[in-house]
N, C-alpha and C. Protein backbone atom coordinates (compact mmCIF):
# COMPACT_ATOMS: atom_id res chain seq x y z
N UNK A 1 0.76 -1.20 -0.08
CA UNK A 1 -0.14 -0.06 -0.03
C UNK A 1 0.94 1.20 -0.06
N UNK A 2 0.52 2.15 -0.75
CA UNK A 2 1.14 3.47 -0.99
C UNK A 2 0.78 4.54 0.14
N UNK A 3 1.67 4.99 0.85
CA UNK A 3 1.49 6.24 1.97
C UNK A 3 1.45 7.43 1.09
N UNK A 4 0.49 8.26 1.12
CA UNK A 4 0.46 9.60 0.41
C UNK A 4 1.17 10.68 1.49
N UNK A 5 1.90 11.69 0.85
CA UNK A 5 2.53 12.58 1.69
C UNK A 5 1.36 13.67 1.94
N UNK A 6 1.55 14.64 2.99
CA UNK A 6 0.50 15.51 3.22
C UNK A 6 0.23 16.46 1.94
N UNK A 7 1.11 16.75 1.25
CA UNK A 7 1.07 17.31 0.03
C UNK A 7 -0.02 16.78 -0.86
N UNK A 8 0.34 15.39 -1.02
CA UNK A 8 -0.49 14.60 -1.99
C UNK A 8 -1.94 14.66 -1.53
N UNK A 9 -2.11 14.43 -0.09
CA UNK A 9 -3.41 14.45 0.60
C UNK A 9 -4.23 15.71 0.29
N UNK A 10 -3.41 16.75 0.23
CA UNK A 10 -4.18 18.05 -0.04
C UNK A 10 -4.69 18.04 -1.42
N UNK A 11 -3.77 17.62 -2.40
CA UNK A 11 -4.11 17.56 -3.79
C UNK A 11 -5.20 16.55 -3.95
N UNK A 12 -5.19 15.37 -3.33
CA UNK A 12 -6.36 14.55 -3.44
C UNK A 12 -7.69 15.28 -3.17
N UNK A 13 -7.60 16.00 -1.94
CA UNK A 13 -8.86 16.72 -1.52
C UNK A 13 -9.16 17.77 -2.57
N UNK A 14 -8.34 18.56 -3.07
CA UNK A 14 -8.62 19.64 -4.04
C UNK A 14 -9.26 18.99 -5.32
N UNK A 15 -8.61 17.77 -5.67
CA UNK A 15 -9.23 17.05 -6.84
C UNK A 15 -10.66 16.75 -6.63
N UNK A 16 -10.92 16.15 -5.57
CA UNK A 16 -12.18 15.62 -5.12
C UNK A 16 -13.25 16.82 -5.10
N UNK A 17 -12.86 18.03 -4.61
CA UNK A 17 -13.82 19.08 -4.68
C UNK A 17 -14.08 19.60 -6.15
N UNK A 18 -12.91 19.72 -6.84
CA UNK A 18 -13.02 20.25 -8.25
C UNK A 18 -13.65 19.36 -9.36
N UNK A 19 -13.45 18.05 -9.29
CA UNK A 19 -13.80 17.15 -10.12
C UNK A 19 -15.13 16.26 -9.62
N UNK A 20 -15.39 16.33 -8.41
CA UNK A 20 -16.53 15.36 -7.85
C UNK A 20 -16.56 14.01 -8.20
N UNK A 21 -15.29 13.35 -8.37
CA UNK A 21 -15.20 11.94 -8.92
C UNK A 21 -15.53 11.01 -7.73
N UNK A 22 -15.76 9.96 -8.06
CA UNK A 22 -15.95 9.01 -6.83
C UNK A 22 -14.75 8.54 -6.32
N UNK A 23 -14.80 8.14 -4.95
CA UNK A 23 -13.61 7.78 -4.33
C UNK A 23 -12.99 6.66 -4.96
N UNK A 24 -13.79 5.81 -5.44
CA UNK A 24 -13.18 4.47 -6.20
C UNK A 24 -12.31 4.94 -7.36
N UNK A 25 -12.61 5.93 -8.33
CA UNK A 25 -11.98 6.25 -9.19
C UNK A 25 -10.73 7.10 -8.95
N UNK A 26 -10.89 7.86 -7.84
CA UNK A 26 -9.63 8.57 -7.43
C UNK A 26 -8.71 7.58 -6.74
N UNK A 27 -9.29 6.66 -5.98
CA UNK A 27 -8.23 5.65 -5.32
C UNK A 27 -7.47 4.93 -6.52
N UNK A 28 -8.22 4.54 -7.57
CA UNK A 28 -7.52 4.02 -8.66
C UNK A 28 -6.39 4.56 -9.06
N UNK A 29 -6.70 5.93 -9.47
CA UNK A 29 -5.71 6.83 -9.85
C UNK A 29 -4.44 7.00 -9.16
N UNK A 30 -4.74 7.19 -7.73
CA UNK A 30 -3.65 7.26 -6.71
C UNK A 30 -3.01 6.16 -6.14
N UNK A 31 -3.56 4.97 -6.43
CA UNK A 31 -3.03 3.70 -5.99
C UNK A 31 -3.48 3.38 -4.61
N UNK A 32 -4.49 3.97 -4.20
CA UNK A 32 -5.10 3.47 -2.65
C UNK A 32 -6.54 3.20 -2.82
N UNK A 33 -6.99 2.60 -1.61
CA UNK A 33 -8.46 2.17 -1.75
C UNK A 33 -9.33 3.39 -1.61
N UNK A 34 -10.60 3.13 -1.86
CA UNK A 34 -11.69 4.26 -1.83
C UNK A 34 -11.73 4.60 -0.37
N UNK A 35 -11.67 3.62 0.56
CA UNK A 35 -11.81 4.14 1.92
C UNK A 35 -10.75 5.07 2.46
N UNK A 36 -9.58 4.90 1.84
CA UNK A 36 -8.44 5.63 2.19
C UNK A 36 -8.84 7.12 1.45
N UNK A 37 -9.21 7.15 0.36
CA UNK A 37 -9.55 8.49 -0.25
C UNK A 37 -10.58 9.09 0.72
N UNK A 38 -11.64 8.51 1.17
CA UNK A 38 -12.63 8.99 1.93
C UNK A 38 -12.02 9.58 3.14
N UNK A 39 -11.15 8.69 3.87
CA UNK A 39 -10.49 9.31 5.09
C UNK A 39 -9.54 10.53 4.91
N UNK A 40 -9.05 10.49 3.88
CA UNK A 40 -8.19 11.68 3.53
C UNK A 40 -8.94 12.97 3.37
N UNK A 41 -9.90 12.88 2.59
CA UNK A 41 -10.80 14.07 2.26
C UNK A 41 -11.48 14.46 3.57
N UNK A 42 -11.88 13.56 4.51
CA UNK A 42 -12.55 13.87 5.71
C UNK A 42 -11.50 14.58 6.55
N UNK A 43 -10.37 13.94 6.84
CA UNK A 43 -9.42 14.60 7.52
C UNK A 43 -8.97 15.98 7.20
N UNK A 44 -8.73 16.25 5.74
CA UNK A 44 -8.20 17.37 5.32
C UNK A 44 -9.34 18.38 5.66
N UNK A 45 -10.65 17.99 5.33
CA UNK A 45 -11.81 19.04 5.53
C UNK A 45 -11.81 19.47 7.10
N UNK A 46 -11.83 18.38 8.04
CA UNK A 46 -11.89 18.65 9.30
C UNK A 46 -10.80 19.55 9.82
N UNK A 47 -9.53 19.38 9.36
CA UNK A 47 -8.32 20.11 9.88
C UNK A 47 -8.56 21.46 9.31
N UNK A 48 -9.00 21.72 8.10
CA UNK A 48 -9.16 23.06 7.63
C UNK A 48 -10.26 23.67 8.37
N UNK A 49 -11.41 23.01 8.78
CA UNK A 49 -12.54 23.73 9.50
C UNK A 49 -12.10 24.04 10.84
N UNK A 50 -11.13 23.38 11.57
CA UNK A 50 -10.72 23.61 12.93
C UNK A 50 -10.03 24.90 12.90
N UNK A 51 -9.29 25.13 11.81
CA UNK A 51 -8.55 26.48 11.80
C UNK A 51 -9.46 27.75 11.93
N UNK A 52 -10.67 27.70 11.69
CA UNK A 52 -11.71 28.74 11.63
C UNK A 52 -11.51 29.70 10.35
N UNK A 53 -10.61 29.38 9.52
CA UNK A 53 -10.57 30.27 8.28
C UNK A 53 -11.38 29.50 7.11
N UNK A 54 -11.74 28.25 7.26
CA UNK A 54 -12.57 27.76 6.26
C UNK A 54 -13.96 27.13 6.69
N UNK A 55 -14.79 27.30 5.90
CA UNK A 55 -16.04 26.80 6.17
C UNK A 55 -16.78 26.30 4.85
N UNK A 56 -17.36 25.07 5.23
CA UNK A 56 -18.27 24.44 4.19
C UNK A 56 -19.77 24.78 4.51
N UNK A 57 -20.42 25.45 3.60
CA UNK A 57 -21.88 25.91 3.81
C UNK A 57 -22.69 24.69 3.79
N UNK A 58 -23.64 24.63 4.95
CA UNK A 58 -24.57 23.58 4.94
C UNK A 58 -25.59 23.59 3.90
N UNK A 59 -26.56 22.73 4.12
CA UNK A 59 -27.57 22.43 3.10
C UNK A 59 -28.76 23.71 3.01
N UNK A 60 -28.73 24.28 4.12
CA UNK A 60 -29.73 25.33 4.06
C UNK A 60 -29.15 26.49 3.37
N UNK A 61 -28.01 26.84 3.44
CA UNK A 61 -27.09 27.79 2.74
C UNK A 61 -27.10 27.60 1.15
N UNK A 62 -27.07 26.33 0.89
CA UNK A 62 -27.08 25.82 -0.51
C UNK A 62 -28.54 26.22 -1.13
N UNK A 63 -29.54 25.77 -0.49
CA UNK A 63 -30.85 25.98 -0.94
C UNK A 63 -31.39 27.38 -1.00
N UNK A 64 -30.72 28.30 -0.11
CA UNK A 64 -31.24 29.71 -0.15
C UNK A 64 -30.82 30.43 -1.41
N UNK A 65 -31.79 30.95 -2.10
CA UNK A 65 -31.49 31.58 -3.37
C UNK A 65 -30.91 32.94 -3.09
N UNK A 66 -29.84 33.19 -3.94
CA UNK A 66 -29.31 34.67 -3.85
C UNK A 66 -29.51 35.18 -5.18
N UNK A 67 -30.10 36.45 -5.12
CA UNK A 67 -30.33 37.21 -6.27
C UNK A 67 -29.53 38.58 -6.46
N UNK A 68 -29.25 38.96 -7.72
CA UNK A 68 -28.61 40.22 -7.81
C UNK A 68 -29.24 40.82 -8.99
N UNK A 69 -29.20 42.26 -8.84
CA UNK A 69 -29.86 43.07 -9.92
C UNK A 69 -29.17 43.03 -11.27
N UNK A 70 -29.96 42.73 -12.26
CA UNK A 70 -29.41 42.72 -13.52
C UNK A 70 -30.43 43.47 -14.57
N UNK A 71 -29.98 44.64 -14.84
CA UNK A 71 -30.78 45.35 -15.69
C UNK A 71 -32.02 46.04 -14.78
N UNK A 72 -33.04 46.59 -15.55
CA UNK A 72 -34.19 47.32 -14.81
C UNK A 72 -35.01 46.52 -13.97
N UNK A 73 -35.59 45.43 -14.71
CA UNK A 73 -36.61 44.66 -13.84
C UNK A 73 -36.38 43.16 -13.76
N UNK A 74 -35.08 42.84 -13.99
CA UNK A 74 -34.62 41.36 -13.92
C UNK A 74 -33.68 41.09 -12.92
N UNK A 75 -34.09 39.94 -12.09
CA UNK A 75 -32.96 39.60 -11.15
C UNK A 75 -32.60 38.19 -11.71
N UNK A 76 -31.37 37.87 -11.48
CA UNK A 76 -30.81 36.65 -11.73
C UNK A 76 -30.47 35.80 -10.66
N UNK A 77 -30.87 34.67 -10.44
CA UNK A 77 -30.44 33.75 -9.20
C UNK A 77 -29.05 33.28 -9.70
N UNK A 78 -28.04 33.29 -8.61
CA UNK A 78 -26.63 33.03 -9.07
C UNK A 78 -26.64 31.46 -8.96
N UNK A 79 -27.52 30.84 -8.09
CA UNK A 79 -27.38 29.37 -8.20
C UNK A 79 -27.87 28.72 -9.42
N UNK A 80 -29.00 29.13 -9.98
CA UNK A 80 -29.49 28.12 -11.03
C UNK A 80 -29.70 29.05 -12.26
N UNK A 81 -29.30 30.33 -12.33
CA UNK A 81 -29.26 31.27 -13.47
C UNK A 81 -30.65 31.34 -14.16
N UNK A 82 -31.64 31.29 -13.32
CA UNK A 82 -33.00 31.47 -13.84
C UNK A 82 -33.39 32.93 -13.67
N UNK A 83 -33.77 33.47 -14.91
CA UNK A 83 -34.06 34.87 -14.71
C UNK A 83 -35.67 35.08 -14.44
N UNK A 84 -35.75 35.97 -13.39
CA UNK A 84 -37.19 36.20 -12.97
C UNK A 84 -37.60 37.68 -12.97
N UNK A 85 -38.74 37.94 -13.29
CA UNK A 85 -39.09 39.47 -13.63
C UNK A 85 -39.92 39.72 -12.33
N UNK A 86 -39.59 40.91 -11.57
CA UNK A 86 -40.26 41.36 -10.51
C UNK A 86 -41.00 42.67 -10.88
N UNK A 87 -42.23 42.83 -10.69
CA UNK A 87 -42.95 43.86 -11.13
C UNK A 87 -42.86 44.85 -10.05
N UNK A 88 -42.71 46.19 -10.53
CA UNK A 88 -42.60 47.14 -9.59
C UNK A 88 -44.14 47.62 -9.05
N UNK A 89 -44.12 47.86 -7.79
CA UNK A 89 -45.50 48.19 -7.29
C UNK A 89 -45.79 49.59 -7.00
């Protein structure tokens, strides 16, 4: 079994976040098991969160739509890019 360095573990985590590949496929590329990839990602995430400078938004934050003004009467949802028209009262 191959032991990954700390730098490689951070790279594994960044690849997971960027590509959303399965642990199985990442493990195959890195030469480790999918459970090892899962442990690496979990450990790196929890270490980053303990610093207080890193935060992963919860489900509620992801479901909450955020709108920004785009033009005179249109607002665009940043999450799903659906344009909605709001009528002035």
